[in-house]
Amino acid sequence: MSEIKADHFLDMRKVSCPLNYVRTKLKIEEIAVGETLELLLGDGEPVVNVPRSVKEDGHKILSLKQVKDYYSVIIRKC
């Protein structure tokens, strides 16, 4: 399986809920439909809540994987 290369990047590892979702939503609004965003999140609530909220907004989670002590989430804007 090939690695997904994101068009945009946002590091939210040190940002707490709900601010990490708000900043993610603002970043998604800046990108074009069909483009991808790689989002880095810390463990716990962020990795559960942010992807769920992004999906509820109608976008697609292409990948969610643990990388050392954080998570990488690839989102496609729909």
N, C-alpha and C. Protein backbone atom coordinates (compact mmCIF):
# COMPACT_ATOMS: atom_id res chain seq x y z
N MET A 1 0.84 -1.18 0.00
CA MET A 1 0.00 0.00 0.00
C MET A 1 0.89 1.24 0.00
N SER A 2 0.60 2.18 -0.87
CA SER A 2 1.42 3.38 -0.98
C SER A 2 1.02 4.43 0.05
N GLU A 3 1.99 5.24 0.41
CA GLU A 3 1.78 6.33 1.37
C GLU A 3 0.98 7.46 0.71
N ILE A 4 0.02 8.00 1.41
CA ILE A 4 -0.77 9.12 0.90
C ILE A 4 0.02 10.41 1.14
N LYS A 5 0.21 11.18 0.09
CA LYS A 5 0.92 12.47 0.18
C LYS A 5 -0.13 13.58 0.26
N ALA A 6 -0.17 14.28 1.38
CA ALA A 6 -1.16 15.33 1.58
C ALA A 6 -0.74 16.63 0.90
N ASP A 7 -1.74 17.40 0.49
CA ASP A 7 -1.51 18.70 -0.14
C ASP A 7 -1.19 19.79 0.89
N HIS A 8 -1.71 19.62 2.11
CA HIS A 8 -1.55 20.63 3.17
C HIS A 8 -1.21 19.92 4.48
N PHE A 9 -0.71 20.68 5.45
CA PHE A 9 -0.23 20.11 6.71
C PHE A 9 -0.62 21.02 7.87
N LEU A 10 -1.02 20.41 9.00
CA LEU A 10 -1.36 21.16 10.20
C LEU A 10 -0.98 20.34 11.43
N ASP A 11 -0.14 20.89 12.29
CA ASP A 11 0.31 20.21 13.51
C ASP A 11 -0.49 20.72 14.70
N MET A 12 -1.35 19.86 15.23
CA MET A 12 -2.21 20.21 16.37
C MET A 12 -1.88 19.37 17.60
N ARG A 13 -0.66 18.83 17.66
CA ARG A 13 -0.29 17.94 18.76
C ARG A 13 -0.33 18.62 20.12
N LYS A 14 -0.02 19.89 20.20
CA LYS A 14 0.04 20.60 21.49
C LYS A 14 -1.21 21.45 21.74
N VAL A 15 -2.24 21.28 20.92
CA VAL A 15 -3.46 22.08 21.04
C VAL A 15 -4.56 21.21 21.62
N SER A 16 -5.29 21.74 22.61
CA SER A 16 -6.33 20.95 23.28
C SER A 16 -7.69 21.15 22.63
N CYS A 17 -8.61 20.23 22.97
CA CYS A 17 -10.00 20.31 22.50
C CYS A 17 -10.68 21.50 23.19
N PRO A 18 -11.59 22.18 22.57
CA PRO A 18 -12.06 22.03 21.19
C PRO A 18 -11.29 22.90 20.20
N LEU A 19 -10.25 23.59 20.67
CA LEU A 19 -9.52 24.50 19.79
C LEU A 19 -8.87 23.77 18.61
N ASN A 20 -8.43 22.52 18.83
CA ASN A 20 -7.81 21.78 17.72
C ASN A 20 -8.82 21.53 16.60
N TYR A 21 -10.07 21.26 16.94
CA TYR A 21 -11.09 21.07 15.90
C TYR A 21 -11.39 22.40 15.19
N VAL A 22 -11.49 23.48 15.94
CA VAL A 22 -11.78 24.79 15.35
C VAL A 22 -10.68 25.16 14.35
N ARG A 23 -9.44 24.99 14.73
CA ARG A 23 -8.32 25.32 13.82
C ARG A 23 -8.31 24.39 12.61
N THR A 24 -8.64 23.12 12.83
CA THR A 24 -8.72 22.17 11.71
C THR A 24 -9.81 22.59 10.74
N LYS A 25 -10.97 22.94 11.27
CA LYS A 25 -12.09 23.36 10.43
C LYS A 25 -11.73 24.61 9.61
N LEU A 26 -11.06 25.57 10.23
CA LEU A 26 -10.64 26.78 9.52
C LEU A 26 -9.64 26.45 8.41
N LYS A 27 -8.73 25.52 8.67
CA LYS A 27 -7.76 25.12 7.65
C LYS A 27 -8.46 24.43 6.48
N ILE A 28 -9.42 23.56 6.78
CA ILE A 28 -10.17 22.87 5.73
C ILE A 28 -10.92 23.88 4.87
N GLU A 29 -11.45 24.94 5.48
CA GLU A 29 -12.15 25.97 4.71
C GLU A 29 -11.23 26.67 3.72
N GLU A 30 -9.93 26.72 4.01
CA GLU A 30 -8.96 27.40 3.14
C GLU A 30 -8.57 26.58 1.91
N ILE A 31 -8.75 25.27 1.96
CA ILE A 31 -8.28 24.43 0.86
C ILE A 31 -9.41 24.11 -0.11
N ALA A 32 -9.05 23.68 -1.31
CA ALA A 32 -10.03 23.38 -2.35
C ALA A 32 -10.65 22.01 -2.15
N VAL A 33 -11.87 21.85 -2.62
CA VAL A 33 -12.55 20.54 -2.60
C VAL A 33 -11.67 19.54 -3.34
N GLY A 34 -11.49 18.36 -2.74
CA GLY A 34 -10.67 17.32 -3.33
C GLY A 34 -9.24 17.31 -2.84
N GLU A 35 -8.77 18.42 -2.26
CA GLU A 35 -7.42 18.46 -1.72
C GLU A 35 -7.37 17.75 -0.37
N THR A 36 -6.17 17.40 0.05
CA THR A 36 -5.99 16.66 1.30
C THR A 36 -5.20 17.47 2.32
N LEU A 37 -5.46 17.15 3.58
CA LEU A 37 -4.81 17.79 4.71
C LEU A 37 -4.26 16.70 5.62
N GLU A 38 -2.96 16.77 5.94
CA GLU A 38 -2.41 15.90 6.97
C GLU A 38 -2.47 16.65 8.28
N LEU A 39 -3.10 16.03 9.26
CA LEU A 39 -3.32 16.63 10.56
C LEU A 39 -2.61 15.77 11.60
N LEU A 40 -1.79 16.39 12.44
CA LEU A 40 -1.14 15.67 13.53
C LEU A 40 -1.87 15.98 14.83
N LEU A 41 -2.24 14.92 15.55
CA LEU A 41 -3.01 15.06 16.79
C LEU A 41 -2.36 14.27 17.91
N GLY A 42 -2.53 14.76 19.14
CA GLY A 42 -2.08 14.04 20.31
C GLY A 42 -3.05 12.91 20.64
N ASP A 43 -2.63 12.05 21.55
CA ASP A 43 -3.43 10.91 21.98
C ASP A 43 -4.60 11.38 22.85
N GLY A 44 -5.59 10.52 23.01
CA GLY A 44 -6.73 10.81 23.87
C GLY A 44 -7.90 11.42 23.11
N GLU A 45 -8.55 12.40 23.73
CA GLU A 45 -9.75 13.01 23.14
C GLU A 45 -9.54 13.56 21.73
N PRO A 46 -8.43 14.25 21.45
CA PRO A 46 -8.27 14.82 20.11
C PRO A 46 -8.38 13.79 18.99
N VAL A 47 -7.73 12.65 19.14
CA VAL A 47 -7.73 11.66 18.06
C VAL A 47 -9.09 10.98 17.89
N VAL A 48 -9.94 11.09 18.88
CA VAL A 48 -11.31 10.56 18.77
C VAL A 48 -12.25 11.65 18.26
N ASN A 49 -12.21 12.81 18.87
CA ASN A 49 -13.19 13.86 18.59
C ASN A 49 -12.99 14.58 17.26
N VAL A 50 -11.76 14.92 16.93
CA VAL A 50 -11.52 15.71 15.71
C VAL A 50 -11.90 14.92 14.45
N PRO A 51 -11.42 13.68 14.26
CA PRO A 51 -11.84 12.94 13.06
C PRO A 51 -13.36 12.74 12.99
N ARG A 52 -13.98 12.48 14.13
CA ARG A 52 -15.44 12.30 14.15
C ARG A 52 -16.14 13.58 13.69
N SER A 53 -15.71 14.71 14.20
CA SER A 53 -16.33 15.99 13.83
C SER A 53 -16.09 16.32 12.36
N VAL A 54 -14.89 16.03 11.86
CA VAL A 54 -14.58 16.27 10.45
C VAL A 54 -15.49 15.43 9.55
N LYS A 55 -15.70 14.16 9.93
CA LYS A 55 -16.62 13.30 9.15
C LYS A 55 -18.04 13.84 9.22
N GLU A 56 -18.47 14.30 10.39
CA GLU A 56 -19.81 14.87 10.52
C GLU A 56 -19.99 16.11 9.65
N ASP A 57 -18.89 16.81 9.37
CA ASP A 57 -18.91 17.98 8.49
C ASP A 57 -18.97 17.58 7.01
N GLY A 58 -18.87 16.28 6.73
CA GLY A 58 -18.99 15.80 5.36
C GLY A 58 -17.69 15.52 4.64
N HIS A 59 -16.57 15.56 5.35
CA HIS A 59 -15.28 15.28 4.73
C HIS A 59 -14.90 13.83 4.96
N LYS A 60 -13.88 13.35 4.24
CA LYS A 60 -13.51 11.94 4.30
C LYS A 60 -12.16 11.78 5.00
N ILE A 61 -12.11 10.82 5.93
CA ILE A 61 -10.86 10.44 6.58
C ILE A 61 -10.23 9.35 5.73
N LEU A 62 -9.10 9.65 5.09
CA LEU A 62 -8.42 8.68 4.23
C LEU A 62 -7.50 7.77 5.01
N SER A 63 -6.96 8.28 6.12
CA SER A 63 -5.99 7.52 6.90
C SER A 63 -5.95 8.06 8.32
N LEU A 64 -5.81 7.15 9.27
CA LEU A 64 -5.60 7.52 10.67
C LEU A 64 -4.63 6.50 11.23
N LYS A 65 -3.42 6.94 11.53
CA LYS A 65 -2.43 5.99 12.02
C LYS A 65 -1.58 6.60 13.13
N GLN A 66 -1.17 5.73 14.05
CA GLN A 66 -0.31 6.17 15.14
C GLN A 66 1.13 6.23 14.65
N VAL A 67 1.81 7.32 15.00
CA VAL A 67 3.22 7.53 14.68
C VAL A 67 3.90 7.92 15.99
N LYS A 68 4.64 7.01 16.57
CA LYS A 68 5.28 7.23 17.86
C LYS A 68 4.23 7.62 18.90
N ASP A 69 4.31 8.85 19.46
CA ASP A 69 3.40 9.26 20.53
C ASP A 69 2.31 10.21 20.05
N TYR A 70 2.04 10.22 18.74
CA TYR A 70 0.98 11.07 18.18
C TYR A 70 0.31 10.34 17.02
N TYR A 71 -0.69 10.97 16.44
CA TYR A 71 -1.44 10.37 15.34
C TYR A 71 -1.40 11.27 14.11
N SER A 72 -1.35 10.63 12.96
CA SER A 72 -1.42 11.33 11.67
C SER A 72 -2.78 11.00 11.05
N VAL A 73 -3.52 12.04 10.70
CA VAL A 73 -4.84 11.88 10.08
C VAL A 73 -4.79 12.57 8.71
N ILE A 74 -5.18 11.84 7.67
CA ILE A 74 -5.26 12.42 6.33
C ILE A 74 -6.73 12.63 6.01
N ILE A 75 -7.09 13.87 5.70
CA ILE A 75 -8.47 14.27 5.44
C ILE A 75 -8.59 14.75 4.00
N ARG A 76 -9.63 14.29 3.30
CA ARG A 76 -9.94 14.83 1.97
C ARG A 76 -11.16 15.74 2.10
N LYS A 77 -11.02 16.98 1.64
CA LYS A 77 -12.14 17.92 1.68
C LYS A 77 -13.17 17.51 0.64
N CYS A 78 -14.42 17.39 1.08
CA CYS A 78 -15.52 17.01 0.18
C CYS A 78 -16.50 18.16 0.02
